[in-house]
N, C-alpha and C. Protein backbone atom coordinates (compact mmCIF):
# COMPACT_ATOMS: atom_id res chain seq x y z
N MET A 1 1.21 -1.30 0.19
CA MET A 1 -0.29 -0.14 -0.20
C MET A 1 0.83 1.41 -0.13
N ARG A 2 0.37 2.14 -0.80
CA ARG A 2 1.37 3.45 -0.98
C ARG A 2 0.37 4.65 -0.43
N VAL A 3 0.73 5.17 0.47
CA VAL A 3 0.19 6.62 1.09
C VAL A 3 0.92 7.66 1.27
N GLN A 4 0.47 8.89 0.87
CA GLN A 4 0.73 9.91 0.97
C GLN A 4 -0.07 11.15 1.15
N LEU A 5 0.16 12.09 1.75
CA LEU A 5 -0.60 13.44 2.21
C LEU A 5 -1.59 14.22 1.20
N ARG A 6 -2.67 14.04 1.46
CA ARG A 6 -3.31 14.95 0.59
C ARG A 6 -2.77 16.54 0.29
N GLU A 7 -2.92 17.31 -0.90
CA GLU A 7 -2.73 18.15 -0.97
C GLU A 7 -3.41 19.16 -0.14
N GLY A 8 -2.43 20.21 0.69
CA GLY A 8 -2.86 20.96 1.71
C GLY A 8 -2.72 20.42 3.13
N VAL A 9 -2.40 19.16 3.04
CA VAL A 9 -2.34 18.34 4.44
C VAL A 9 -0.89 18.40 5.04
N ILE A 10 -0.54 19.16 6.20
CA ILE A 10 0.78 19.02 6.87
C ILE A 10 0.87 18.05 7.80
N ILE A 11 2.19 17.75 8.32
CA ILE A 11 1.98 16.80 9.33
C ILE A 11 3.46 17.72 10.23
N GLN A 12 3.02 17.91 11.51
CA GLN A 12 3.79 18.37 12.51
C GLN A 12 3.80 17.54 13.64
N ALA A 13 5.22 17.32 14.05
CA ALA A 13 5.71 16.52 14.62
C ALA A 13 5.91 17.15 16.34
N VAL A 14 5.63 16.86 17.72
CA VAL A 14 5.47 17.19 18.82
C VAL A 14 6.17 16.13 19.57
N ASP A 15 7.20 16.47 20.05
CA ASP A 15 8.11 14.86 20.32
C ASP A 15 7.79 13.62 19.99
N ASP A 16 7.25 12.66 20.30
CA ASP A 16 7.34 11.33 19.24
C ASP A 16 6.19 11.47 18.64
N GLU A 17 5.18 12.39 19.28
CA GLU A 17 3.72 12.45 18.56
C GLU A 17 3.83 13.40 17.19
N ALA A 18 2.58 13.19 16.57
CA ALA A 18 2.34 14.16 15.44
C ALA A 18 1.05 14.67 15.26
N VAL A 19 0.77 15.69 14.74
CA VAL A 19 -0.42 16.36 14.37
C VAL A 19 -0.50 16.49 12.58
N LEU A 20 -1.97 15.73 12.07
CA LEU A 20 -1.76 16.14 10.43
C LEU A 20 -3.16 17.24 10.50
N LEU A 21 -2.58 18.43 9.74
CA LEU A 21 -3.52 19.49 9.68
C LEU A 21 -3.95 19.57 8.07
N ASP A 22 -5.44 19.52 7.81
CA ASP A 22 -5.74 19.92 6.61
C ASP A 22 -6.09 21.50 6.49
N THR A 23 -5.30 22.37 5.90
CA THR A 23 -4.95 23.49 5.97
C THR A 23 -6.25 24.29 5.25
N VAL A 24 -7.05 23.46 4.66
CA VAL A 24 -8.10 24.23 4.07
C VAL A 24 -9.52 23.92 5.09
N SER A 25 -9.50 22.90 5.18
CA SER A 25 -10.89 22.30 6.05
C SER A 25 -10.55 22.63 7.34
N GLU A 26 -9.50 22.81 7.66
CA GLU A 26 -8.76 22.62 9.36
C GLU A 26 -9.11 21.08 10.11
N THR A 27 -9.68 20.11 9.25
CA THR A 27 -9.53 19.12 9.81
C THR A 27 -8.21 18.66 10.45
N TYR A 28 -8.02 18.34 11.82
CA TYR A 28 -6.74 17.78 11.90
C TYR A 28 -7.01 16.45 13.03
N PHE A 29 -5.73 15.51 13.20
CA PHE A 29 -5.99 14.26 13.52
C PHE A 29 -4.61 14.43 14.48
N ALA A 30 -4.63 13.96 16.00
CA ALA A 30 -3.42 13.16 16.60
C ALA A 30 -2.93 12.07 16.55
N LEU A 31 -1.88 11.85 16.27
CA LEU A 31 -1.09 10.45 16.08
C LEU A 31 -0.47 10.10 17.22
N ASN A 32 -0.57 9.00 18.21
CA ASN A 32 0.64 8.64 19.19
C ASN A 32 1.50 8.09 18.44
N PRO A 33 2.63 7.90 19.55
CA PRO A 33 4.06 7.87 18.66
C PRO A 33 4.33 6.35 17.64
N THR A 34 3.54 5.68 17.68
CA THR A 34 3.24 4.25 16.93
C THR A 34 2.71 4.74 15.81
N GLY A 35 1.72 5.60 15.62
CA GLY A 35 0.84 6.00 14.36
C GLY A 35 2.02 6.99 13.73
N HIS A 36 2.64 7.61 14.57
CA HIS A 36 3.39 8.65 13.63
C HIS A 36 4.63 7.75 13.69
N GLU A 37 5.00 6.86 13.94
CA GLU A 37 6.02 6.19 13.04
C GLU A 37 5.60 4.86 12.26
N ALA A 38 4.87 4.64 12.05
CA ALA A 38 4.15 4.04 10.83
C ALA A 38 3.51 5.16 9.63
N LEU A 39 3.31 5.78 10.33
CA LEU A 39 3.02 6.79 8.70
C LEU A 39 4.02 7.37 8.45
N ASP A 40 4.96 7.94 9.15
CA ASP A 40 6.71 8.47 8.59
C ASP A 40 6.92 7.42 7.61
N LEU A 41 7.31 5.91 8.12
CA LEU A 41 7.60 4.84 7.34
C LEU A 41 6.74 4.77 5.97
N LEU A 42 5.69 4.73 5.78
CA LEU A 42 4.79 4.89 4.79
C LEU A 42 5.28 5.75 4.00
N LEU A 43 4.74 7.23 4.32
CA LEU A 43 5.23 8.26 3.76
C LEU A 43 6.64 8.49 3.17
N SER A 44 7.67 7.80 3.70
CA SER A 44 8.86 7.96 2.77
C SER A 44 9.11 6.73 1.86
N GLY A 45 8.10 6.04 1.90
CA GLY A 45 8.21 4.98 0.67
C GLY A 45 8.86 3.27 1.07
N VAL A 46 8.73 3.26 2.39
CA VAL A 46 9.20 1.92 3.02
C VAL A 46 8.06 1.25 2.61
N ALA A 47 8.34 -0.16 1.82
CA ALA A 47 7.31 -1.19 1.43
C ALA A 47 6.46 -1.73 2.82
N TRP A 48 5.15 -1.88 2.29
CA TRP A 48 4.27 -2.06 3.55
C TRP A 48 4.52 -3.39 4.61
N GLU A 49 4.95 -4.56 3.80
CA GLU A 49 5.60 -5.31 4.65
C GLU A 49 6.56 -5.15 5.29
N ALA A 50 7.66 -4.46 4.85
CA ALA A 50 9.05 -3.81 5.31
C ALA A 50 8.22 -3.23 6.70
N MET A 51 7.37 -2.49 7.11
CA MET A 51 6.80 -1.33 7.98
C MET A 51 6.42 -2.61 8.78
N VAL A 52 5.38 -3.18 8.47
CA VAL A 52 4.86 -4.24 9.37
C VAL A 52 5.85 -4.76 10.27
N ALA A 53 7.30 -5.23 9.94
CA ALA A 53 8.22 -5.99 10.22
C ALA A 53 8.99 -5.44 11.17
N GLU A 54 9.05 -4.14 10.74
CA GLU A 54 10.09 -3.24 11.61
C GLU A 54 9.35 -2.80 12.74
N LEU A 55 8.03 -2.81 12.50
CA LEU A 55 6.93 -2.36 13.91
C LEU A 55 6.87 -3.27 14.51
N ALA A 56 6.47 -4.68 14.17
CA ALA A 56 6.18 -5.56 15.20
C ALA A 56 7.75 -6.06 15.80
N ASP A 57 8.85 -5.60 15.13
CA ASP A 57 10.26 -6.35 16.18
C ASP A 57 10.53 -5.14 17.00
N ALA A 58 10.25 -3.65 16.65
CA ALA A 58 10.32 -2.49 17.40
C ALA A 58 9.46 -2.93 18.92
N TYR A 59 8.13 -3.10 18.81
CA TYR A 59 7.09 -3.20 19.59
C TYR A 59 7.29 -4.42 20.07
N GLU A 60 7.62 -5.70 20.01
CA GLU A 60 7.56 -6.88 20.00
C GLU A 60 6.06 -7.14 19.86
N ALA A 61 5.30 -7.11 19.25
CA ALA A 61 3.99 -7.35 18.53
C ALA A 61 4.02 -8.17 17.56
N PRO A 62 2.68 -8.63 17.51
CA PRO A 62 2.58 -9.96 16.45
C PRO A 62 2.57 -8.94 14.92
N GLU A 63 3.05 -9.65 13.93
CA GLU A 63 2.63 -8.55 12.55
C GLU A 63 1.34 -8.51 12.47
N ALA A 64 0.42 -9.73 12.06
CA ALA A 64 -1.08 -9.49 12.15
C ALA A 64 -1.67 -8.13 12.82
N GLU A 65 -1.49 -8.09 14.29
CA GLU A 65 -1.78 -7.01 14.89
C GLU A 65 -1.14 -5.70 14.65
N ILE A 66 0.04 -5.42 14.25
CA ILE A 66 0.45 -4.29 13.84
C ILE A 66 -0.09 -4.00 12.02
N GLU A 67 -0.41 -4.88 11.30
CA GLU A 67 -0.92 -4.80 10.13
C GLU A 67 -2.13 -4.37 10.32
N ALA A 68 -3.23 -5.09 11.12
CA ALA A 68 -4.27 -4.61 11.51
C ALA A 68 -4.60 -3.03 11.81
N ASP A 69 -3.85 -2.82 12.67
CA ASP A 69 -3.98 -1.78 13.80
C ASP A 69 -3.17 -0.42 12.89
N VAL A 70 -2.35 -0.60 11.56
CA VAL A 70 -2.28 0.59 10.65
C VAL A 70 -2.95 0.56 9.67
N ARG A 71 -3.52 -0.82 9.02
CA ARG A 71 -4.71 -0.44 8.12
C ARG A 71 -5.81 0.28 8.77
N ALA A 72 -6.16 0.16 9.60
CA ALA A 72 -7.34 0.97 10.57
C ALA A 72 -6.87 2.46 10.15
N LEU A 73 -5.98 2.70 10.67
CA LEU A 73 -4.95 4.26 10.83
C LEU A 73 -5.33 4.72 9.53
N VAL A 74 -4.86 4.11 8.26
CA VAL A 74 -5.09 4.41 6.95
C VAL A 74 -6.00 4.89 6.69
N SER A 75 -6.92 3.79 6.86
CA SER A 75 -8.67 3.79 6.67
C SER A 75 -9.07 5.12 7.23
N GLU A 76 -9.04 5.17 8.25
CA GLU A 76 -9.30 6.67 9.17
C GLU A 76 -8.95 7.65 8.37
N LEU A 77 -7.57 7.91 8.58
CA LEU A 77 -7.17 9.24 7.63
C LEU A 77 -7.32 9.37 6.22
N THR A 78 -7.85 7.92 5.42
CA THR A 78 -8.53 8.17 4.21
C THR A 78 -9.67 8.89 4.39
N ALA A 79 -10.24 8.63 5.23
CA ALA A 79 -11.87 8.47 5.35
C ALA A 79 -11.97 10.25 5.83
N LEU A 80 -11.13 10.30 6.55
CA LEU A 80 -11.06 11.68 6.78
C LEU A 80 -10.49 12.91 5.99
N GLY A 81 -9.89 12.29 4.80
CA GLY A 81 -9.36 13.01 3.66
C GLY A 81 -8.03 13.88 3.90
N LEU A 82 -7.24 12.97 5.02
CA LEU A 82 -5.70 13.82 5.03
C LEU A 82 -4.89 13.11 4.46
N VAL A 83 -5.21 11.63 3.83
CA VAL A 83 -4.11 10.98 3.16
C VAL A 83 -4.74 10.36 1.55
N VAL A 84 -4.06 10.06 1.06
CA VAL A 84 -4.47 9.16 -0.13
C VAL A 84 -3.78 8.11 -0.14
N SER A 85 -4.42 6.76 -0.17
CA SER A 85 -3.68 5.42 -0.11
C SER A 85 -4.48 4.65 -1.38
N GLU A 86 -2.96 3.87 -2.20
CA GLU A 86 -3.74 3.14 -2.88
C GLU A 86 -2.78 1.59 -2.63
N PRO A 87 -3.37 1.02 -3.52
CA PRO A 87 -2.58 -0.80 -3.27
C PRO A 87 -1.26 -0.56 -3.94
N ALA A 88 -0.24 -1.37 -3.34
CA ALA A 88 0.94 -1.04 -4.25
C ALA A 88 0.90 -1.82 -5.40
N GLY A 89 1.60 -1.54 -6.66
CA GLY A 89 1.31 -2.16 -7.76
C GLY A 89 2.63 -2.25 -8.60
């Protein structure tokens, strides 16, 4: 899955966390440290499988759990119009 910020959306890091802000609609979304790390990896172009493996290793969590959580995050951010996602191809 490829993810990018929608035009007009900025991300601002605050310590380990981050806030996404749509400068047009003024919609915002706060990310916890794990969500921030996952989104940073995806935005930098890291492959989905590599991102899942890296986070599972870092947080000592099952890959299936990480994958489900990140999919839910991307789905929510997409629904809010903050990111655009598409299957890797």
